[in-house]
Amino acid sequence: MSEVEVQFSRSGKPKRSIESLTVERRYANVIRLFLAGELPGFTHQRHIHVANVLRHIPYGRQLMHLGLQTMAHRHYIPDKYSAEITDRNWDRLDGTLPDPALFADLPGGANGRDEAVPSCQAAGAG
C-alpha cells in the first residue's frame, strides 16, 4: 500500500478524503491515545494494528514517528525509539485495517463512543 496522497485546496490547505475521515472517526480513540503515549496493552501486534490504521491517514508515517517518540519518552525509555526501524517496517505494512473489536479494552472502544460496559451498580449488583 502506498502513502496516502494529500490533496490541497486552492488556498493551500490540506484536504482530507472521505476514506481518511472515515478511518479517523472509526479509530479516533486509538489514534488519540497512541499520540498521547497512553495506549494500553501496546504489544507488537497492537503496534502493527495502529500502524495499519495510520497508513490510511495523511501524514500517517509522521504520526507514527510522533506517537512512538511520545510513548518512549512517557515510559522513560527514549533510546528505544528508532526512526530507521520504524521507516523500514512502515514500508512492509499491508494496510489492512484491524477489526475495531480488537480495541474493546479501551474506554469507549476504538472510536471512543461505544457504550461502556455497565457498572456493577447499574447492573443491580450495588
N, C-alpha and C. Protein backbone atom coordinates (compact mmCIF):
# COMPACT_ATOMS: atom_id res chain seq x y z
N MET A 1 0.85 -1.18 0.00
CA MET A 1 0.00 0.00 0.00
C MET A 1 0.89 1.23 0.00
N SER A 2 0.59 2.18 -0.86
CA SER A 2 1.40 3.40 -0.93
C SER A 2 0.91 4.42 0.09
N GLU A 3 1.69 5.47 0.24
CA GLU A 3 1.33 6.55 1.15
C GLU A 3 0.02 7.20 0.69
N VAL A 4 -0.74 7.72 1.64
CA VAL A 4 -1.96 8.45 1.31
C VAL A 4 -1.54 9.77 0.67
N GLU A 5 -2.09 10.04 -0.49
CA GLU A 5 -1.75 11.29 -1.17
C GLU A 5 -2.56 12.42 -0.58
N VAL A 6 -1.89 13.49 -0.24
CA VAL A 6 -2.56 14.66 0.34
C VAL A 6 -2.89 15.63 -0.78
N GLN A 7 -4.17 15.96 -0.89
CA GLN A 7 -4.64 16.95 -1.86
C GLN A 7 -4.71 18.30 -1.15
N PHE A 8 -4.56 19.37 -1.92
CA PHE A 8 -4.59 20.71 -1.33
C PHE A 8 -5.67 21.56 -2.00
N SER A 9 -6.31 22.41 -1.20
CA SER A 9 -7.32 23.33 -1.73
C SER A 9 -6.62 24.47 -2.47
N ARG A 10 -7.41 25.31 -3.09
CA ARG A 10 -6.83 26.46 -3.81
C ARG A 10 -6.07 27.39 -2.87
N SER A 11 -6.50 27.44 -1.62
CA SER A 11 -5.83 28.31 -0.65
C SER A 11 -4.59 27.65 -0.05
N GLY A 12 -4.33 26.40 -0.44
CA GLY A 12 -3.14 25.72 0.05
C GLY A 12 -3.34 24.87 1.28
N LYS A 13 -4.58 24.78 1.77
CA LYS A 13 -4.85 23.96 2.95
C LYS A 13 -5.02 22.50 2.53
N PRO A 14 -4.52 21.57 3.35
CA PRO A 14 -4.70 20.15 3.02
C PRO A 14 -6.19 19.77 3.05
N LYS A 15 -6.59 18.94 2.09
CA LYS A 15 -7.96 18.41 2.04
C LYS A 15 -7.88 16.93 2.39
N ARG A 16 -8.80 16.50 3.24
CA ARG A 16 -8.82 15.08 3.60
C ARG A 16 -9.88 14.37 2.79
N SER A 17 -9.57 13.13 2.44
CA SER A 17 -10.52 12.34 1.67
C SER A 17 -11.61 11.78 2.58
N ILE A 18 -12.69 11.36 1.97
CA ILE A 18 -13.77 10.73 2.73
C ILE A 18 -13.25 9.47 3.41
N GLU A 19 -12.40 8.71 2.71
CA GLU A 19 -11.85 7.49 3.31
C GLU A 19 -11.04 7.81 4.56
N SER A 20 -10.16 8.81 4.48
CA SER A 20 -9.33 9.11 5.65
C SER A 20 -10.17 9.65 6.80
N LEU A 21 -11.20 10.43 6.50
CA LEU A 21 -12.10 10.93 7.55
C LEU A 21 -12.85 9.78 8.21
N THR A 22 -13.28 8.81 7.41
CA THR A 22 -13.98 7.64 7.94
C THR A 22 -13.07 6.84 8.87
N VAL A 23 -11.83 6.63 8.44
CA VAL A 23 -10.87 5.89 9.27
C VAL A 23 -10.59 6.66 10.55
N GLU A 24 -10.41 7.97 10.44
CA GLU A 24 -10.16 8.79 11.64
C GLU A 24 -11.30 8.67 12.63
N ARG A 25 -12.53 8.69 12.15
CA ARG A 25 -13.68 8.58 13.06
C ARG A 25 -13.79 7.18 13.66
N ARG A 26 -13.55 6.18 12.83
CA ARG A 26 -13.69 4.79 13.28
C ARG A 26 -12.67 4.42 14.36
N TYR A 27 -11.48 5.03 14.28
CA TYR A 27 -10.39 4.70 15.21
C TYR A 27 -9.93 5.92 16.01
N ALA A 28 -10.81 6.89 16.22
CA ALA A 28 -10.44 8.15 16.87
C ALA A 28 -9.79 7.94 18.24
N ASN A 29 -10.34 7.08 19.04
CA ASN A 29 -9.82 6.84 20.38
C ASN A 29 -8.44 6.18 20.33
N VAL A 30 -8.26 5.25 19.42
CA VAL A 30 -6.97 4.58 19.25
C VAL A 30 -5.91 5.62 18.87
N ILE A 31 -6.21 6.44 17.89
CA ILE A 31 -5.26 7.45 17.42
C ILE A 31 -4.93 8.44 18.54
N ARG A 32 -5.96 8.92 19.22
CA ARG A 32 -5.77 9.90 20.29
C ARG A 32 -4.90 9.34 21.41
N LEU A 33 -5.21 8.14 21.87
CA LEU A 33 -4.43 7.54 22.96
C LEU A 33 -3.00 7.22 22.53
N PHE A 34 -2.83 6.77 21.30
CA PHE A 34 -1.48 6.48 20.80
C PHE A 34 -0.64 7.76 20.75
N LEU A 35 -1.20 8.82 20.17
CA LEU A 35 -0.44 10.07 20.05
C LEU A 35 -0.16 10.71 21.41
N ALA A 36 -0.99 10.42 22.40
CA ALA A 36 -0.76 10.92 23.76
C ALA A 36 0.22 10.04 24.53
N GLY A 37 0.61 8.91 23.92
CA GLY A 37 1.52 7.99 24.60
C GLY A 37 0.84 7.21 25.70
N GLU A 38 -0.47 7.05 25.61
CA GLU A 38 -1.25 6.42 26.68
C GLU A 38 -2.02 5.18 26.22
N LEU A 39 -1.70 4.64 25.06
CA LEU A 39 -2.43 3.46 24.57
C LEU A 39 -2.01 2.24 25.39
N PRO A 40 -2.96 1.63 26.12
CA PRO A 40 -2.61 0.47 26.95
C PRO A 40 -2.41 -0.79 26.11
N GLY A 41 -1.71 -1.75 26.70
CA GLY A 41 -1.52 -3.04 26.05
C GLY A 41 -0.79 -2.93 24.73
N PHE A 42 0.27 -2.12 24.69
CA PHE A 42 0.96 -1.85 23.43
C PHE A 42 1.94 -2.98 23.10
N THR A 43 1.36 -4.11 22.70
CA THR A 43 2.15 -5.27 22.27
C THR A 43 2.61 -5.05 20.83
N HIS A 44 3.43 -5.96 20.34
CA HIS A 44 3.88 -5.87 18.95
C HIS A 44 2.67 -5.88 18.00
N GLN A 45 1.71 -6.76 18.25
CA GLN A 45 0.55 -6.86 17.37
C GLN A 45 -0.29 -5.58 17.39
N ARG A 46 -0.45 -4.99 18.57
CA ARG A 46 -1.21 -3.74 18.66
C ARG A 46 -0.46 -2.63 17.92
N HIS A 47 0.85 -2.64 18.01
CA HIS A 47 1.69 -1.68 17.28
C HIS A 47 1.40 -1.79 15.78
N ILE A 48 1.35 -3.02 15.26
CA ILE A 48 1.06 -3.24 13.84
C ILE A 48 -0.35 -2.75 13.50
N HIS A 49 -1.31 -3.02 14.37
CA HIS A 49 -2.69 -2.55 14.12
C HIS A 49 -2.75 -1.03 14.03
N VAL A 50 -2.08 -0.34 14.96
CA VAL A 50 -2.07 1.12 14.95
C VAL A 50 -1.40 1.63 13.67
N ALA A 51 -0.29 1.01 13.30
CA ALA A 51 0.41 1.43 12.08
C ALA A 51 -0.47 1.26 10.86
N ASN A 52 -1.20 0.15 10.77
CA ASN A 52 -2.08 -0.07 9.63
C ASN A 52 -3.22 0.95 9.59
N VAL A 53 -3.69 1.39 10.75
CA VAL A 53 -4.70 2.46 10.79
C VAL A 53 -4.08 3.75 10.25
N LEU A 54 -2.90 4.09 10.73
CA LEU A 54 -2.26 5.34 10.32
C LEU A 54 -1.88 5.34 8.84
N ARG A 55 -1.74 4.17 8.22
CA ARG A 55 -1.45 4.11 6.78
C ARG A 55 -2.56 4.76 5.96
N HIS A 56 -3.74 4.85 6.52
CA HIS A 56 -4.90 5.37 5.79
C HIS A 56 -5.14 6.86 6.04
N ILE A 57 -4.25 7.49 6.78
CA ILE A 57 -4.42 8.89 7.16
C ILE A 57 -3.28 9.72 6.58
N PRO A 58 -3.57 10.90 6.05
CA PRO A 58 -2.48 11.75 5.57
C PRO A 58 -1.45 11.99 6.67
N TYR A 59 -0.21 11.95 6.29
CA TYR A 59 0.93 12.13 7.20
C TYR A 59 0.99 11.03 8.25
N GLY A 60 0.45 9.86 7.90
CA GLY A 60 0.44 8.73 8.83
C GLY A 60 1.82 8.31 9.30
N ARG A 61 2.79 8.30 8.39
CA ARG A 61 4.15 7.91 8.77
C ARG A 61 4.69 8.88 9.82
N GLN A 62 4.50 10.16 9.61
CA GLN A 62 4.97 11.15 10.57
C GLN A 62 4.24 11.01 11.91
N LEU A 63 2.95 10.71 11.85
CA LEU A 63 2.19 10.49 13.08
C LEU A 63 2.68 9.25 13.82
N MET A 64 3.08 8.22 13.07
CA MET A 64 3.62 7.01 13.70
C MET A 64 4.90 7.36 14.45
N HIS A 65 5.78 8.12 13.80
CA HIS A 65 7.02 8.56 14.47
C HIS A 65 6.71 9.36 15.73
N LEU A 66 5.79 10.30 15.62
CA LEU A 66 5.43 11.15 16.75
C LEU A 66 4.89 10.32 17.91
N GLY A 67 3.97 9.41 17.62
CA GLY A 67 3.39 8.58 18.67
C GLY A 67 4.41 7.69 19.35
N LEU A 68 5.30 7.09 18.56
CA LEU A 68 6.33 6.22 19.15
C LEU A 68 7.31 7.02 20.00
N GLN A 69 7.67 8.21 19.53
CA GLN A 69 8.56 9.06 20.33
C GLN A 69 7.88 9.46 21.63
N THR A 70 6.62 9.83 21.55
CA THR A 70 5.87 10.22 22.76
C THR A 70 5.80 9.06 23.73
N MET A 71 5.46 7.87 23.23
CA MET A 71 5.36 6.70 24.12
C MET A 71 6.70 6.39 24.76
N ALA A 72 7.77 6.44 23.98
CA ALA A 72 9.10 6.14 24.52
C ALA A 72 9.47 7.12 25.63
N HIS A 73 9.20 8.39 25.42
CA HIS A 73 9.53 9.39 26.44
C HIS A 73 8.63 9.27 27.67
N ARG A 74 7.35 9.03 27.46
CA ARG A 74 6.43 8.89 28.61
C ARG A 74 6.75 7.68 29.46
N HIS A 75 7.37 6.67 28.84
CA HIS A 75 7.74 5.47 29.58
C HIS A 75 9.22 5.48 29.98
N TYR A 76 9.86 6.63 29.84
CA TYR A 76 11.25 6.85 30.26
C TYR A 76 12.24 5.92 29.56
N ILE A 77 11.96 5.61 28.29
CA ILE A 77 12.88 4.80 27.50
C ILE A 77 13.09 5.44 26.12
N PRO A 78 13.52 6.71 26.08
CA PRO A 78 13.62 7.40 24.79
C PRO A 78 14.60 6.75 23.82
N ASP A 79 15.58 6.02 24.34
CA ASP A 79 16.56 5.37 23.46
C ASP A 79 15.97 4.18 22.72
N LYS A 80 14.81 3.71 23.13
CA LYS A 80 14.19 2.56 22.49
C LYS A 80 13.59 2.92 21.13
N TYR A 81 13.25 4.19 20.91
CA TYR A 81 12.67 4.63 19.64
C TYR A 81 13.75 4.67 18.57
N SER A 82 13.42 4.16 17.38
CA SER A 82 14.35 4.20 16.25
C SER A 82 13.60 4.59 14.98
N ALA A 83 13.93 5.75 14.45
CA ALA A 83 13.29 6.21 13.21
C ALA A 83 13.60 5.26 12.06
N GLU A 84 14.81 4.72 12.03
CA GLU A 84 15.22 3.83 10.94
C GLU A 84 14.38 2.55 10.95
N ILE A 85 14.21 1.97 12.13
CA ILE A 85 13.42 0.73 12.23
C ILE A 85 11.96 1.01 11.86
N THR A 86 11.44 2.13 12.34
CA THR A 86 10.05 2.49 12.02
C THR A 86 9.87 2.65 10.52
N ASP A 87 10.77 3.37 9.86
CA ASP A 87 10.66 3.57 8.41
C ASP A 87 10.78 2.25 7.65
N ARG A 88 11.70 1.41 8.06
CA ARG A 88 11.90 0.13 7.37
C ARG A 88 10.64 -0.73 7.48
N ASN A 89 10.06 -0.79 8.67
CA ASN A 89 8.88 -1.63 8.86
C ASN A 89 7.61 -0.99 8.29
N TRP A 90 7.56 0.33 8.22
CA TRP A 90 6.41 1.03 7.64
C TRP A 90 6.19 0.56 6.20
N ASP A 91 7.28 0.42 5.47
CA ASP A 91 7.18 0.02 4.07
C ASP A 91 6.73 -1.43 3.90
N ARG A 92 6.75 -2.21 4.96
CA ARG A 92 6.33 -3.62 4.91
C ARG A 92 4.86 -3.82 5.29
N LEU A 93 4.21 -2.79 5.77
CA LEU A 93 2.81 -2.91 6.20
C LEU A 93 1.90 -3.18 5.00
N ASP A 94 0.85 -3.97 5.23
CA ASP A 94 -0.10 -4.23 4.14
C ASP A 94 -1.29 -3.27 4.15
N GLY A 95 -1.45 -2.50 5.23
CA GLY A 95 -2.52 -1.51 5.29
C GLY A 95 -3.89 -2.06 5.62
N THR A 96 -3.95 -3.33 6.02
CA THR A 96 -5.24 -3.93 6.39
C THR A 96 -5.74 -3.32 7.69
N LEU A 97 -6.93 -2.74 7.64
CA LEU A 97 -7.50 -2.14 8.85
C LEU A 97 -7.89 -3.24 9.83
N PRO A 98 -7.52 -3.08 11.10
CA PRO A 98 -7.88 -4.09 12.10
C PRO A 98 -9.36 -4.00 12.47
N ASP A 99 -9.87 -5.09 12.97
CA ASP A 99 -11.25 -5.11 13.47
C ASP A 99 -11.31 -4.18 14.68
N PRO A 100 -12.22 -3.21 14.69
CA PRO A 100 -12.32 -2.30 15.84
C PRO A 100 -12.53 -3.04 17.16
N ALA A 101 -13.09 -4.25 17.11
CA ALA A 101 -13.31 -5.03 18.34
C ALA A 101 -11.99 -5.37 19.03
N LEU A 102 -10.88 -5.32 18.31
CA LEU A 102 -9.58 -5.59 18.92
C LEU A 102 -9.20 -4.51 19.93
N PHE A 103 -9.92 -3.40 19.91
CA PHE A 103 -9.66 -2.30 20.83
C PHE A 103 -10.79 -2.16 21.85
N ALA A 104 -11.53 -3.23 22.08
CA ALA A 104 -12.66 -3.20 23.01
C ALA A 104 -12.22 -2.93 24.44
N ASP A 105 -10.93 -3.15 24.75
CA ASP A 105 -10.43 -2.89 26.10
C ASP A 105 -10.29 -1.40 26.40
N LEU A 106 -10.34 -0.57 25.38
CA LEU A 106 -10.23 0.88 25.58
C LEU A 106 -11.57 1.44 26.03
N PRO A 107 -11.57 2.38 26.98
CA PRO A 107 -12.84 3.02 27.35
C PRO A 107 -13.45 3.69 26.12
N GLY A 108 -14.64 3.27 25.74
CA GLY A 108 -15.27 3.82 24.54
C GLY A 108 -14.92 3.07 23.28
N GLY A 109 -14.10 2.03 23.38
CA GLY A 109 -13.73 1.24 22.21
C GLY A 109 -12.82 1.99 21.26
N ALA A 110 -12.75 1.51 20.03
CA ALA A 110 -11.84 2.08 19.03
C ALA A 110 -12.18 3.53 18.68
N ASN A 111 -13.47 3.85 18.65
CA ASN A 111 -13.86 5.21 18.24
C ASN A 111 -14.08 6.15 19.41
N GLY A 112 -14.09 5.61 20.64
CA GLY A 112 -14.28 6.45 21.82
C GLY A 112 -15.73 6.73 22.15
N ARG A 113 -16.65 6.21 21.34
CA ARG A 113 -18.07 6.49 21.55
C ARG A 113 -18.89 5.24 21.83
N ASP A 114 -18.27 4.07 21.77
CA ASP A 114 -19.02 2.84 22.04
C ASP A 114 -19.46 2.85 23.49
N GLU A 115 -20.60 2.28 23.73
CA GLU A 115 -21.12 2.25 25.10
C GLU A 115 -20.19 1.46 25.99
N ALA A 116 -19.96 1.99 27.15
CA ALA A 116 -19.09 1.32 28.12
C ALA A 116 -19.82 0.13 28.72
N VAL A 117 -19.06 -0.77 29.28
CA VAL A 117 -19.63 -1.91 29.98
C VAL A 117 -20.39 -1.36 31.18
N PRO A 118 -21.61 -1.81 31.41
CA PRO A 118 -22.37 -1.27 32.54
C PRO A 118 -21.63 -1.49 33.85
N SER A 119 -21.72 -0.52 34.72
CA SER A 119 -21.08 -0.66 36.03
C SER A 119 -21.85 -1.66 36.86
N CYS A 120 -21.24 -2.14 37.93
CA CYS A 120 -21.90 -3.10 38.83
C CYS A 120 -23.18 -2.49 39.40
N GLN A 121 -23.12 -1.21 39.75
CA GLN A 121 -24.28 -0.55 40.34
C GLN A 121 -25.43 -0.48 39.33
N ALA A 122 -25.10 -0.13 38.08
CA ALA A 122 -26.14 -0.03 37.05
C ALA A 122 -26.75 -1.39 36.75
N ALA A 123 -25.96 -2.44 36.95
CA ALA A 123 -26.45 -3.79 36.67
C ALA A 123 -27.24 -4.36 37.85
N GLY A 124 -27.37 -3.58 38.94
CA GLY A 124 -28.15 -4.02 40.08
C GLY A 124 -27.36 -4.78 41.12
N ALA A 125 -26.03 -4.77 41.03
CA ALA A 125 -25.21 -5.50 41.99
C ALA A 125 -24.72 -4.59 43.10
N GLY A 126 -25.25 -3.40 43.23
CA GLY A 126 -24.70 -2.50 44.23
C GLY A 126 -25.74 -1.94 45.05
